Amino acid sequence: MANSNGPVIDMTPEGDFIEPPKPTLGAILLRLAMFGLFLCIAGVMFWVMFWAAIFVVPILVLLGLAGFMLTKLQGR
């Protein structure tokens, strides 16, 4: 069922439209600083995960090969 009241228009009693508040320079700078901080944290996390993978993957491959060889030797 359609809304019978129509759209909501924010107006003052004098008939002027209410304008949303404009962000201050401090708020803009704070948002940019937080975005930069989150970007740095994400970069560091990616860097740590990359190097962890570089060191862990060869160890896992060697353990897999050792397990495969032990399984084949036990089958004889």
C-alpha atoms as a PDB file:
ATOM      1  CA  MET A   1       0.000   0.000   0.000  1.00  0.00           C
ATOM      2  CA  ALA A   2       1.375   3.416  -0.940  1.00  0.00           C
ATOM      3  CA  ASN A   3       2.329   6.027   1.631  1.00  0.00           C
ATOM      4  CA  SER A   4      -0.541   8.531   1.697  1.00  0.00           C
ATOM      5  CA  ASN A   5       1.494  11.239   3.461  1.00  0.00           C
ATOM      6  CA  GLY A   6       3.981  11.695   0.611  1.00  0.00           C
ATOM      7  CA  PRO A   7       7.693  12.334   0.954  1.00  0.00           C
ATOM      8  CA  VAL A   8       9.133  13.966   4.072  1.00  0.00           C
ATOM      9  CA  ILE A   9      10.480  17.463   3.409  1.00  0.00           C
ATOM     10  CA  ASP A  10      12.507  19.021   6.219  1.00  0.00           C
ATOM     11  CA  MET A  11      11.546  22.685   6.431  1.00  0.00           C
ATOM     12  CA  THR A  12      11.623  25.372   9.089  1.00  0.00           C
ATOM     13  CA  PRO A  13       8.379  27.020  10.222  1.00  0.00           C
ATOM     14  CA  GLU A  14       9.316  30.012   8.022  1.00  0.00           C
ATOM     15  CA  GLY A  15       9.380  27.776   4.945  1.00  0.00           C
ATOM     16  CA  ASP A  16      13.161  27.515   4.452  1.00  0.00           C
ATOM     17  CA  PHE A  17      14.788  24.146   3.811  1.00  0.00           C
ATOM     18  CA  ILE A  18      16.977  22.704   6.554  1.00  0.00           C
ATOM     19  CA  GLU A  19      20.492  22.232   5.204  1.00  0.00           C
ATOM     20  CA  PRO A  20      22.600  19.415   6.613  1.00  0.00           C
ATOM     21  CA  PRO A  21      25.624  20.658   8.593  1.00  0.00           C
ATOM     22  CA  LYS A  22      28.806  20.995   6.600  1.00  0.00           C
ATOM     23  CA  PRO A  23      31.863  19.178   7.990  1.00  0.00           C
ATOM     24  CA  THR A  24      34.559  21.345   9.480  1.00  0.00           C
ATOM     25  CA  LEU A  25      38.170  21.268   8.394  1.00  0.00           C
ATOM     26  CA  GLY A  26      39.072  19.444  11.615  1.00  0.00           C
ATOM     27  CA  ALA A  27      36.508  16.721  10.934  1.00  0.00           C
ATOM     28  CA  ILE A  28      37.798  16.280   7.388  1.00  0.00           C
ATOM     29  CA  LEU A  29      41.407  16.052   8.607  1.00  0.00           C
ATOM     30  CA  LEU A  30      40.422  13.577  11.329  1.00  0.00           C
ATOM     31  CA  ARG A  31      38.673  11.353   8.770  1.00  0.00           C
ATOM     32  CA  LEU A  32      41.705  11.495   6.453  1.00  0.00           C
ATOM     33  CA  ALA A  33      44.045  10.660   9.350  1.00  0.00           C
ATOM     34  CA  MET A  34      41.889   7.692  10.389  1.00  0.00           C
ATOM     35  CA  PHE A  35      41.742   6.433   6.791  1.00  0.00           C
ATOM     36  CA  GLY A  36      45.541   6.697   6.549  1.00  0.00           C
ATOM     37  CA  LEU A  37      45.962   4.865   9.852  1.00  0.00           C
ATOM     38  CA  PHE A  38      43.668   2.036   8.762  1.00  0.00           C
ATOM     39  CA  LEU A  39      45.491   1.842   5.435  1.00  0.00           C
ATOM     40  CA  CYS A  40      48.851   1.546   7.234  1.00  0.00           C
ATOM     41  CA  ILE A  41      47.513  -1.146   9.556  1.00  0.00           C
ATOM     42  CA  ALA A  42      46.170  -3.114   6.579  1.00  0.00           C
ATOM     43  CA  GLY A  43      49.527  -2.775   4.815  1.00  0.00           C
ATOM     44  CA  VAL A  44      51.454  -4.023   7.835  1.00  0.00           C
ATOM     45  CA  MET A  45      49.064  -6.948   8.249  1.00  0.00           C
ATOM     46  CA  PHE A  46      49.490  -7.851   4.566  1.00  0.00           C
ATOM     47  CA  TRP A  47      53.282  -7.614   4.917  1.00  0.00           C
ATOM     48  CA  VAL A  48      53.284  -9.901   7.979  1.00  0.00           C
ATOM     49  CA  MET A  49      50.984 -12.437   6.286  1.00  0.00           C
ATOM     50  CA  PHE A  50      53.153 -12.388   3.146  1.00  0.00           C
ATOM     51  CA  TRP A  51      56.370 -13.137   5.039  1.00  0.00           C
ATOM     52  CA  ALA A  52      54.653 -15.723   7.227  1.00  0.00           C
ATOM     53  CA  ALA A  53      53.499 -17.509   4.072  1.00  0.00           C
ATOM     54  CA  ILE A  54      56.996 -17.304   2.572  1.00  0.00           C
ATOM     55  CA  PHE A  55      58.456 -19.061   5.621  1.00  0.00           C
ATOM     56  CA  VAL A  56      55.620 -21.454   6.473  1.00  0.00           C
ATOM     57  CA  VAL A  57      54.733 -22.880   3.036  1.00  0.00           C
ATOM     58  CA  PRO A  58      58.125 -24.579   2.431  1.00  0.00           C
ATOM     59  CA  ILE A  59      57.999 -26.120   5.919  1.00  0.00           C
ATOM     60  CA  LEU A  60      54.498 -27.456   5.235  1.00  0.00           C
ATOM     61  CA  VAL A  61      55.611 -28.871   1.891  1.00  0.00           C
ATOM     62  CA  LEU A  62      58.570 -30.637   3.529  1.00  0.00           C
ATOM     63  CA  LEU A  63      56.335 -32.046   6.280  1.00  0.00           C
ATOM     64  CA  GLY A  64      53.898 -33.265   3.641  1.00  0.00           C
ATOM     65  CA  LEU A  65      56.664 -34.962   1.686  1.00  0.00           C
ATOM     66  CA  ALA A  66      58.034 -36.551   4.873  1.00  0.00           C
ATOM     67  CA  GLY A  67      54.567 -37.844   5.767  1.00  0.00           C
ATOM     68  CA  PHE A  68      54.113 -39.198   2.250  1.00  0.00           C
ATOM     69  CA  MET A  69      57.457 -40.966   2.364  1.00  0.00           C
ATOM     70  CA  LEU A  70      56.723 -42.458   5.808  1.00  0.00           C
ATOM     71  CA  THR A  71      53.379 -43.699   4.539  1.00  0.00           C
ATOM     72  CA  LYS A  72      55.008 -45.334   1.521  1.00  0.00           C
ATOM     73  CA  LEU A  73      57.715 -46.923   3.671  1.00  0.00           C
ATOM     74  CA  GLN A  74      55.170 -48.394   6.073  1.00  0.00           C
ATOM     75  CA  GLY A  75      53.250 -49.935   3.200  1.00  0.00           C
ATOM     76  CA  ARG A  76      56.155 -52.250   2.258  1.00  0.00           C
END
